[in-house]
Amino acid sequence: MTAPVLQLQGVVKRFGTTTVLDRVDLSVSRHEVVAVIGASGSGKSTLLKTVNLLERIDDGRILLAGDDVSDPRADVDATRARIGVVFQQFNLFPHRTVLDNVTLASRAVHKVPRAEAEATAEHWLQRIGLGDKLKEYPDRLSGGQQQRVAIVRAIVSDPELLLLDEITSALDPQLVGEVLDLVTELKTAGSTILMTTHEMQFARHVADRIVFLQQGRILEQGTPAEVLDAPRHAETRQFLSRLQQH
């Protein structure tokens, strides 16, 4: 058996006197899609930020393919180069074209020759229906198009792990589907994904496993059917019923 792509072992994160992640144990296997759900303030986004070393943990360990990347001596830039990240905000460079946005990290960080980087980018942009937008600037694109460009930017360097943080929350409802279709395609292609989402139907459709986080602790986890249809804990049931009322 190969080591999991990601392991969190007893991870603790505090902001001042507030414990945001409380001894979190979680592993993500190769080609697995894990969706983290929970109320605002449950620690979902912080969890992803600790994995990408945007937030340093206070206790525990984070292993990426067996390497302890939470060790203070670990090379932060080298770790981040192995991970693709997409946040709620698209974070595209407004003064660069779509093609430049998508290829910049490949060329600058991974030293991929421009022609090769652009060929890979064009392949993916064609595949998601944005092949005619290569020379456009981000402000000429819809929110759904910008988010799909941001996802392609994260995957062109073939990361070991893809982190998706509430990637549909800034989108109009009619644009959500195009982004979810792309994530479904990435799952089919074998990507390893850890994501946070408030879209339960999306989680049901794309996730192999759903993790319910409450007040920084994993309260329960299982298949989408187990967690969404037959949750064991009252807190999970309450969370899901609140979502259905909105």
Protein backbone atom coordinates (compact mmCIF):
# COMPACT_ATOMS: atom_id res chain seq x y z
CA MET A 1 0.00 0.00 0.00
CA THR A 2 1.29 3.45 -0.85
CA ALA A 3 1.19 6.11 1.84
CA PRO A 4 -1.88 8.37 1.74
CA VAL A 5 -1.35 11.55 -0.24
CA LEU A 6 -2.30 13.56 2.84
CA GLN A 7 -2.30 12.75 6.55
CA LEU A 8 -3.26 15.07 9.38
CA GLN A 9 -2.25 13.65 12.73
CA GLY A 10 -3.59 15.35 15.86
CA VAL A 11 -3.56 18.76 14.20
CA VAL A 12 -4.24 21.71 16.51
CA LYS A 13 -4.56 25.33 15.39
CA ARG A 14 -5.26 28.22 17.74
CA PHE A 15 -5.88 31.89 17.12
CA GLY A 16 -5.08 33.52 20.44
CA THR A 17 -7.09 31.63 23.06
CA THR A 18 -9.53 30.18 20.50
CA THR A 19 -8.89 26.63 19.32
CA VAL A 20 -10.00 26.47 15.69
CA LEU A 21 -8.76 22.94 14.91
CA ASP A 22 -8.86 20.52 17.83
CA ARG A 23 -6.76 17.36 17.36
CA VAL A 24 -7.87 16.65 13.81
CA ASP A 25 -6.96 13.24 12.36
CA LEU A 26 -7.66 12.88 8.65
CA SER A 27 -6.15 11.03 5.71
CA VAL A 28 -6.80 11.34 1.98
CA SER A 29 -5.82 8.44 -0.26
CA ARG A 30 -4.57 8.72 -3.83
CA HIS A 31 -7.41 9.43 -6.30
CA GLU A 32 -9.83 10.02 -3.40
CA VAL A 33 -12.17 13.02 -3.19
CA VAL A 34 -12.94 14.10 0.39
CA ALA A 35 -15.50 16.82 1.06
CA VAL A 36 -15.44 18.70 4.38
CA ILE A 37 -18.78 20.14 5.46
CA GLY A 38 -19.80 22.15 8.52
CA ALA A 39 -21.20 25.47 9.65
CA SER A 40 -19.39 28.77 9.20
CA GLY A 41 -16.67 29.00 11.81
CA SER A 42 -16.27 25.23 12.12
CA GLY A 43 -12.67 25.43 10.89
CA LYS A 44 -13.10 24.21 7.31
CA SER A 45 -11.09 26.95 5.55
CA THR A 46 -8.46 26.96 8.28
CA LEU A 47 -8.02 23.23 7.74
CA LEU A 48 -7.16 23.79 4.08
CA LYS A 49 -4.88 26.72 4.92
CA THR A 50 -2.86 24.58 7.32
CA VAL A 51 -2.36 21.93 4.62
CA ASN A 52 -1.02 24.59 2.23
CA LEU A 53 1.11 26.07 5.06
CA LEU A 54 -0.69 29.41 4.89
CA GLU A 55 -1.32 28.86 8.60
CA ARG A 56 1.22 27.16 10.83
CA ILE A 57 -0.19 24.51 13.18
CA ASP A 58 0.34 24.60 16.95
CA ASP A 59 0.49 20.85 17.47
CA GLY A 60 0.35 17.62 15.48
CA ARG A 61 1.81 16.76 12.08
CA ILE A 62 0.86 17.15 8.42
CA LEU A 63 2.32 14.60 6.01
CA LEU A 64 2.28 15.01 2.23
CA ALA A 65 2.99 11.63 0.60
CA GLY A 66 4.82 10.67 3.80
CA ASP A 67 6.88 13.88 4.07
CA ASP A 68 6.39 15.90 7.27
CA VAL A 69 5.64 19.28 5.71
CA SER A 70 4.62 20.78 9.07
CA ASP A 71 8.21 20.51 10.28
CA PRO A 72 9.45 24.12 10.63
CA ARG A 73 12.55 23.13 8.65
CA ALA A 74 10.48 21.96 5.66
CA ASP A 75 10.72 24.04 2.49
CA VAL A 76 7.41 25.92 2.29
CA ASP A 77 7.75 26.86 -1.39
CA ALA A 78 8.66 23.31 -2.38
CA THR A 79 5.61 22.00 -0.49
CA ARG A 80 3.25 24.50 -2.08
CA ALA A 81 4.59 23.59 -5.52
CA ARG A 82 3.22 20.08 -4.93
CA ILE A 83 -0.30 21.32 -4.11
CA GLY A 84 -2.90 23.03 -6.27
CA VAL A 85 -5.21 25.47 -4.48
CA VAL A 86 -8.41 27.20 -5.53
CA PHE A 87 -10.15 29.65 -3.19
CA GLN A 88 -13.58 31.32 -3.24
CA GLN A 89 -12.05 34.43 -4.77
CA PHE A 90 -10.65 33.70 -8.19
CA ASN A 91 -7.37 35.54 -7.51
CA LEU A 92 -6.57 35.90 -11.19
CA PHE A 93 -4.09 38.59 -12.20
CA PRO A 94 -6.26 41.27 -13.88
CA HIS A 95 -3.42 42.60 -16.05
CA ARG A 96 -2.57 39.16 -17.52
CA THR A 97 -4.45 37.20 -20.16
CA VAL A 98 -6.17 33.91 -19.39
CA LEU A 99 -3.27 32.01 -20.97
CA ASP A 100 -0.68 33.93 -18.94
CA ASN A 101 -2.65 33.40 -15.73
CA VAL A 102 -2.82 29.66 -16.32
CA THR A 103 0.83 29.16 -17.33
CA LEU A 104 2.59 31.55 -14.95
CA ALA A 105 3.19 29.07 -12.10
CA SER A 106 4.20 26.27 -14.47
CA ARG A 107 6.83 28.51 -16.05
CA ALA A 108 8.02 30.40 -12.97
CA VAL A 109 7.85 27.70 -10.27
CA HIS A 110 8.11 24.42 -12.16
CA LYS A 111 10.40 25.76 -14.93
CA VAL A 112 8.27 24.23 -17.68
CA PRO A 113 9.25 25.65 -21.10
CA ARG A 114 6.74 28.23 -22.33
CA ALA A 115 5.66 26.21 -25.39
CA GLU A 116 4.97 23.12 -23.30
CA ALA A 117 3.14 25.08 -20.58
CA GLU A 118 0.98 26.84 -23.15
CA ALA A 119 0.16 23.58 -24.95
CA THR A 120 -1.04 22.01 -21.68
CA ALA A 121 -3.02 25.13 -20.77
CA GLU A 122 -4.65 25.30 -24.20
CA HIS A 123 -5.60 21.62 -23.97
CA TRP A 124 -7.43 22.17 -20.67
CA LEU A 125 -9.01 25.47 -21.68
CA GLN A 126 -10.33 23.87 -24.86
CA ARG A 127 -11.63 20.94 -22.84
CA ILE A 128 -13.70 23.19 -20.57
CA GLY A 129 -15.05 25.34 -23.38
CA LEU A 130 -12.77 28.36 -22.94
CA GLY A 131 -10.46 27.73 -25.88
CA ASP A 132 -11.62 30.99 -27.48
CA LYS A 133 -10.73 33.02 -24.34
CA LEU A 134 -6.95 32.52 -24.28
CA LYS A 135 -6.17 36.17 -25.03
CA GLU A 136 -9.01 37.63 -22.95
CA TYR A 137 -8.46 39.40 -19.64
CA PRO A 138 -10.28 38.17 -16.52
CA ASP A 139 -12.69 41.12 -16.34
CA ARG A 140 -14.12 40.04 -19.70
CA LEU A 141 -15.17 36.66 -18.26
CA SER A 142 -18.17 35.63 -16.18
CA GLY A 143 -17.63 34.50 -12.59
CA GLY A 144 -18.07 30.86 -13.60
CA GLN A 145 -15.53 31.25 -16.39
CA GLN A 146 -13.05 32.96 -14.04
CA GLN A 147 -13.41 30.17 -11.48
CA ARG A 148 -12.86 27.51 -14.14
CA VAL A 149 -9.71 29.35 -15.25
CA ALA A 150 -8.54 29.40 -11.61
CA ILE A 151 -9.10 25.63 -11.36
CA VAL A 152 -7.20 24.98 -14.60
CA ARG A 153 -4.36 27.15 -13.30
CA ALA A 154 -4.20 24.92 -10.22
CA ILE A 155 -4.14 21.63 -12.14
CA VAL A 156 -1.87 22.29 -15.14
CA SER A 157 1.24 21.49 -13.11
CA ASP A 158 -0.30 18.10 -12.17
CA PRO A 159 -0.27 18.61 -8.38
CA GLU A 160 -0.21 15.67 -5.98
CA LEU A 161 -3.13 17.19 -4.09
CA LEU A 162 -5.82 19.68 -5.06
CA LEU A 163 -7.43 21.89 -2.38
CA LEU A 164 -10.77 23.49 -3.25
CA ASP A 165 -12.16 25.97 -0.71
CA GLU A 166 -15.88 26.76 -1.21
CA ILE A 167 -15.19 27.32 -4.90
CA THR A 168 -18.85 27.93 -5.78
CA SER A 169 -19.81 30.32 -2.98
CA ALA A 170 -19.03 33.51 -4.94
CA LEU A 171 -20.95 32.36 -8.02
CA ASP A 172 -24.47 32.98 -9.24
CA PRO A 173 -26.50 29.76 -8.96
CA GLN A 174 -26.71 29.32 -12.73
CA LEU A 175 -22.90 29.35 -13.00
CA VAL A 176 -22.30 26.76 -10.27
CA GLY A 177 -23.01 23.82 -12.58
CA GLU A 178 -20.17 24.60 -14.98
CA VAL A 179 -17.65 24.61 -12.16
CA LEU A 180 -19.02 21.42 -10.62
CA ASP A 181 -18.86 19.68 -14.00
CA LEU A 182 -15.14 20.47 -14.18
CA VAL A 183 -14.51 19.05 -10.69
CA THR A 184 -16.43 15.92 -11.66
CA GLU A 185 -14.17 15.61 -14.69
CA LEU A 186 -11.06 15.99 -12.50
CA LYS A 187 -12.34 13.23 -10.23
CA THR A 188 -12.84 10.98 -13.27
CA ALA A 189 -9.28 11.80 -14.38
CA GLY A 190 -7.96 10.57 -11.02
CA SER A 191 -7.18 13.78 -9.14
CA THR A 192 -6.77 13.64 -5.36
CA ILE A 193 -8.99 16.35 -3.91
CA LEU A 194 -9.71 17.77 -0.45
CA MET A 195 -12.50 20.32 -0.65
CA THR A 196 -14.83 22.33 1.52
CA THR A 197 -18.33 22.94 0.25
CA HIS A 198 -21.82 23.98 1.30
CA GLU A 199 -23.33 22.35 -1.81
CA MET A 200 -24.58 19.05 -0.45
CA GLN A 201 -25.75 17.72 -3.82
CA PHE A 202 -22.31 18.42 -5.21
CA ALA A 203 -20.69 16.65 -2.26
CA ARG A 204 -23.02 13.70 -2.75
CA HIS A 205 -22.22 13.53 -6.46
CA VAL A 206 -18.44 13.96 -6.44
CA ALA A 207 -17.10 12.94 -3.01
CA ASP A 208 -15.95 9.46 -2.03
CA ARG A 209 -16.10 10.48 1.61
CA ILE A 210 -17.75 13.32 3.53
CA VAL A 211 -16.29 14.69 6.76
CA PHE A 212 -18.49 16.72 9.13
CA LEU A 213 -16.48 19.27 11.07
CA GLN A 214 -17.93 20.95 14.14
CA GLN A 215 -16.08 23.45 16.32
CA GLY A 216 -12.76 22.26 14.96
CA ARG A 217 -13.38 18.55 15.52
CA ILE A 218 -14.35 15.80 13.10
CA LEU A 219 -17.67 14.64 14.48
CA GLU A 220 -18.36 12.01 11.85
CA GLN A 221 -17.28 10.84 8.42
CA GLY A 222 -18.36 8.24 5.91
CA THR A 223 -19.72 7.79 2.42
CA PRO A 224 -22.12 10.48 1.13
CA ALA A 225 -25.04 8.10 1.74
CA GLU A 226 -23.93 7.42 5.32
CA VAL A 227 -23.39 11.05 6.32
CA LEU A 228 -26.15 12.76 4.32
CA ASP A 229 -28.88 10.12 4.51
CA ALA A 230 -28.23 8.41 7.83
CA PRO A 231 -26.09 10.67 10.03
CA ARG A 232 -25.27 9.13 13.41
CA HIS A 233 -25.00 12.34 15.42
CA ALA A 234 -27.75 14.77 16.35
CA GLU A 235 -25.45 17.71 15.54
CA THR A 236 -24.99 16.45 11.98
CA ARG A 237 -28.74 16.03 11.57
CA GLN A 238 -29.34 19.55 12.86
CA PHE A 239 -26.76 21.01 10.48
CA LEU A 240 -28.25 19.24 7.48
CA SER A 241 -31.82 20.18 8.38
CA ARG A 242 -30.80 23.86 8.73
CA LEU A 243 -29.30 23.72 5.25
CA GLN A 244 -32.53 22.33 3.80
CA GLN A 245 -34.52 25.22 5.29
CA HIS A 246 -32.47 27.82 3.40
